[in-house]
Amino acid sequence: MVIGLALLPIGWVLSGYGMTGHMAAHMIAVAVAAPLIAVGVQGGRFDPATSWPRLASPLPTAMIEAVVVWGWHVPVLRSLAAHHPLALVVEQASFLAAGLLLWSAVLAPRHGAAGVGALLVTSMHMTLLGALIGLAPRPLYMHHGADALADQQLAGVVMLLVGGIAYLLGGLAMLGRLLQTRPEARAV
């Protein structure tokens, strides 16, 4: 948990370096800091899955996270966050909150296979958004300077790789845990 919280200021600094920096900050919040914090608070009083069990369910939180991520990548909202520090704080806080809610829900032992499904769905939408951003034929985010297309393409690759891989690996790790033979089953 401490490492996850310590990474957040690094993301804040990176967000000032064009679209690629923004994407790195975003990935630090949702795909690195959020799961580390979720593991740190798991089962405790600060665990959203414990505090809000009805809200912190894997598939609904995956949809909340998708709306937050895709919403902040609408060009007008991305421009707002790029030019107004308060909007950037709200953007990064919403990324972290949505990521923490999702990771907390999927890590809750009671959710099992639903957690795996939520992470795999999230991996797919992160990969898709990263590909759309990276493969767009023109700059979608003109406010990022003269070489906006190259910056945008690299940002798409960062999202595609870090976001897609983090959620895919998380889902596969959880699937592996689910498929392990339980000691009670061997005794029968």
Protein backbone atom coordinates (compact mmCIF):
# COMPACT_ATOMS: atom_id res chain seq x y z
CA MET A 1 0.00 0.00 0.00
CA VAL A 2 2.77 2.44 0.91
CA ILE A 3 4.48 1.87 -2.44
CA GLY A 4 1.20 2.54 -4.26
CA LEU A 5 0.72 5.82 -2.41
CA ALA A 6 4.37 6.77 -2.98
CA LEU A 7 3.94 6.36 -6.75
CA LEU A 8 1.14 8.94 -7.00
CA PRO A 9 3.39 12.04 -6.85
CA ILE A 10 5.49 10.55 -9.66
CA GLY A 11 2.34 10.32 -11.76
CA TRP A 12 1.52 13.94 -10.95
CA VAL A 13 4.93 15.06 -12.23
CA LEU A 14 4.67 12.90 -15.36
CA SER A 15 1.25 14.31 -16.24
CA GLY A 16 2.96 17.56 -17.25
CA TYR A 17 4.89 15.87 -20.07
CA GLY A 18 2.39 15.77 -22.91
CA MET A 19 -0.02 13.00 -23.72
CA THR A 20 2.57 10.31 -23.05
CA GLY A 21 3.25 11.71 -19.58
CA HIS A 22 -0.48 11.91 -18.93
CA MET A 23 -0.87 8.28 -19.96
CA ALA A 24 2.00 7.20 -17.74
CA ALA A 25 0.36 9.04 -14.81
CA HIS A 26 -2.96 7.42 -15.61
CA MET A 27 -1.40 3.95 -15.73
CA ILE A 28 0.42 4.56 -12.44
CA ALA A 29 -2.92 5.45 -10.82
CA VAL A 30 -5.16 2.66 -12.16
CA ALA A 31 -2.80 -0.21 -12.99
CA VAL A 32 0.01 0.13 -10.44
CA ALA A 33 -0.96 2.23 -7.39
CA ALA A 34 -4.61 1.09 -7.19
CA PRO A 35 -3.87 -2.67 -7.06
CA LEU A 36 -1.02 -2.14 -4.58
CA ILE A 37 -3.28 -0.06 -2.33
CA ALA A 38 -6.13 -2.59 -2.73
CA VAL A 39 -3.84 -5.43 -1.63
CA GLY A 40 -2.72 -3.30 1.34
CA VAL A 41 -6.23 -2.55 2.57
CA GLN A 42 -7.76 -5.93 1.66
CA GLY A 43 -10.10 -7.19 4.37
CA GLY A 44 -9.56 -4.14 6.58
CA ARG A 45 -11.84 -1.25 7.48
CA PHE A 46 -10.54 0.85 4.54
CA ASP A 47 -11.28 -1.89 2.00
CA PRO A 48 -14.13 -0.72 -0.28
CA ALA A 49 -15.19 -4.36 -0.77
CA THR A 50 -15.64 -4.64 3.00
CA SER A 51 -17.10 -1.16 3.58
CA TRP A 52 -19.45 -1.09 0.57
CA PRO A 53 -20.08 -4.72 -0.42
CA ARG A 54 -23.04 -3.91 -2.67
CA LEU A 55 -21.15 -1.28 -4.64
CA ALA A 56 -17.84 -3.15 -4.75
CA SER A 57 -18.89 -5.99 -7.02
CA PRO A 58 -16.54 -6.94 -9.89
CA LEU A 59 -18.59 -6.38 -13.03
CA PRO A 60 -20.30 -3.12 -11.96
CA THR A 61 -16.97 -1.70 -10.81
CA ALA A 62 -15.40 -2.72 -14.13
CA MET A 63 -18.13 -0.72 -15.88
CA ILE A 64 -17.58 2.27 -13.57
CA GLU A 65 -13.85 2.11 -14.28
CA ALA A 66 -14.50 1.91 -18.05
CA VAL A 67 -16.78 4.98 -17.97
CA VAL A 68 -14.19 6.94 -15.97
CA VAL A 69 -11.30 5.94 -18.24
CA TRP A 70 -13.10 6.43 -21.55
CA GLY A 71 -14.79 9.62 -20.30
CA TRP A 72 -11.53 11.34 -19.40
CA HIS A 73 -10.16 10.45 -22.85
CA VAL A 74 -12.86 12.41 -24.66
CA PRO A 75 -10.78 15.21 -26.22
CA VAL A 76 -12.64 18.09 -24.52
CA LEU A 77 -12.19 16.55 -21.03
CA ARG A 78 -8.54 15.69 -21.75
CA SER A 79 -8.00 19.33 -22.78
CA LEU A 80 -9.68 20.53 -19.59
CA ALA A 81 -7.38 18.35 -17.46
CA ALA A 82 -4.33 19.47 -19.48
CA HIS A 83 -5.00 23.17 -18.89
CA HIS A 84 -6.58 23.35 -15.43
CA PRO A 85 -4.75 21.92 -12.40
CA LEU A 86 -7.98 21.34 -10.47
CA ALA A 87 -9.40 19.31 -13.37
CA LEU A 88 -6.16 17.30 -13.48
CA VAL A 89 -6.49 16.55 -9.77
CA VAL A 90 -10.11 15.44 -10.27
CA GLU A 91 -9.09 13.32 -13.27
CA GLN A 92 -6.26 11.55 -11.45
CA ALA A 93 -8.33 11.13 -8.27
CA SER A 94 -11.15 9.57 -10.28
CA PHE A 95 -8.68 7.22 -12.00
CA LEU A 96 -7.31 6.15 -8.63
CA ALA A 97 -10.76 5.82 -7.02
CA ALA A 98 -12.19 3.80 -9.91
CA GLY A 99 -9.08 1.61 -10.01
CA LEU A 100 -9.11 1.06 -6.25
CA LEU A 101 -12.80 0.20 -6.30
CA LEU A 102 -12.28 -2.29 -9.14
CA TRP A 103 -9.18 -3.96 -7.69
CA SER A 104 -10.76 -4.12 -4.23
CA ALA A 105 -13.86 -5.80 -5.67
CA VAL A 106 -11.97 -8.35 -7.74
CA LEU A 107 -9.58 -9.23 -4.90
CA ALA A 108 -12.43 -9.98 -2.49
CA PRO A 109 -12.35 -13.77 -2.07
CA ARG A 110 -16.13 -14.04 -2.27
CA HIS A 111 -16.14 -12.86 -5.88
CA GLY A 112 -13.92 -15.59 -7.38
CA ALA A 113 -14.52 -16.02 -11.11
CA ALA A 114 -16.43 -12.74 -11.41
CA GLY A 115 -13.22 -10.96 -10.42
CA VAL A 116 -11.32 -12.77 -13.16
CA GLY A 117 -13.96 -11.79 -15.69
CA ALA A 118 -13.93 -8.14 -14.60
CA LEU A 119 -10.15 -7.90 -14.97
CA LEU A 120 -10.19 -9.57 -18.37
CA VAL A 121 -12.96 -7.21 -19.59
CA THR A 122 -10.96 -4.28 -18.26
CA SER A 123 -7.85 -5.55 -20.04
CA MET A 124 -9.80 -5.66 -23.30
CA HIS A 125 -11.22 -2.14 -23.03
CA MET A 126 -7.82 -0.71 -22.00
CA THR A 127 -6.20 -2.43 -24.97
CA LEU A 128 -8.92 -1.17 -27.31
CA LEU A 129 -8.70 2.44 -26.10
CA GLY A 130 -4.90 2.33 -26.27
CA ALA A 131 -5.09 1.01 -29.84
CA LEU A 132 -7.64 3.66 -30.86
CA ILE A 133 -5.51 6.45 -29.41
CA GLY A 134 -2.27 5.06 -30.83
CA LEU A 135 -3.59 4.24 -34.30
CA ALA A 136 -5.72 7.35 -34.89
CA PRO A 137 -4.71 8.89 -38.25
CA ARG A 138 -4.73 12.42 -36.81
CA PRO A 139 -4.12 14.02 -33.43
CA LEU A 140 -7.12 13.70 -31.14
CA TYR A 141 -5.49 15.85 -28.48
CA MET A 142 -4.25 18.98 -30.28
CA HIS A 143 -3.37 20.74 -27.04
CA HIS A 144 -0.24 18.64 -26.54
CA GLY A 145 2.09 20.62 -28.80
CA ALA A 146 3.59 20.57 -32.27
CA ASP A 147 4.28 16.83 -32.52
CA ALA A 148 0.90 15.88 -31.10
CA LEU A 149 0.42 12.81 -33.31
CA ALA A 150 3.73 11.17 -32.34
CA ASP A 151 3.07 11.95 -28.66
CA GLN A 152 -0.44 10.53 -28.96
CA GLN A 153 0.82 7.38 -30.67
CA LEU A 154 3.35 6.73 -27.91
CA ALA A 155 0.67 7.41 -25.29
CA GLY A 156 -1.56 4.82 -26.95
CA VAL A 157 1.25 2.27 -26.80
CA VAL A 158 1.79 3.03 -23.09
CA MET A 159 -1.91 2.49 -22.38
CA LEU A 160 -2.12 -0.60 -24.54
CA LEU A 161 0.91 -2.24 -22.97
CA VAL A 162 0.72 -1.17 -19.32
CA GLY A 163 -3.06 -1.14 -18.96
CA GLY A 164 -3.76 -4.20 -21.05
CA ILE A 165 -0.97 -6.24 -19.53
CA ALA A 166 -1.58 -5.23 -15.88
CA TYR A 167 -5.22 -6.25 -16.00
CA LEU A 168 -4.57 -9.35 -18.07
CA LEU A 169 -1.84 -10.54 -15.68
CA GLY A 170 -4.06 -9.74 -12.68
CA GLY A 171 -6.90 -11.75 -14.22
CA LEU A 172 -4.63 -14.66 -15.08
CA ALA A 173 -3.10 -14.68 -11.57
CA MET A 174 -6.57 -14.76 -10.04
CA LEU A 175 -7.61 -17.52 -12.43
CA GLY A 176 -4.56 -19.54 -11.41
CA ARG A 177 -5.49 -19.08 -7.77
CA LEU A 178 -9.03 -20.26 -8.49
CA LEU A 179 -7.83 -23.34 -10.35
CA GLN A 180 -5.50 -24.52 -7.59
CA THR A 181 -6.66 -27.69 -5.92
CA ARG A 182 -7.91 -27.01 -2.42
CA PRO A 183 -6.55 -29.15 0.44
CA GLU A 184 -10.13 -30.05 1.50
CA ALA A 185 -10.80 -31.53 -1.96
CA ARG A 186 -7.68 -33.75 -1.78
CA ALA A 187 -8.77 -35.25 1.57
CA VAL A 188 -11.95 -36.73 0.06
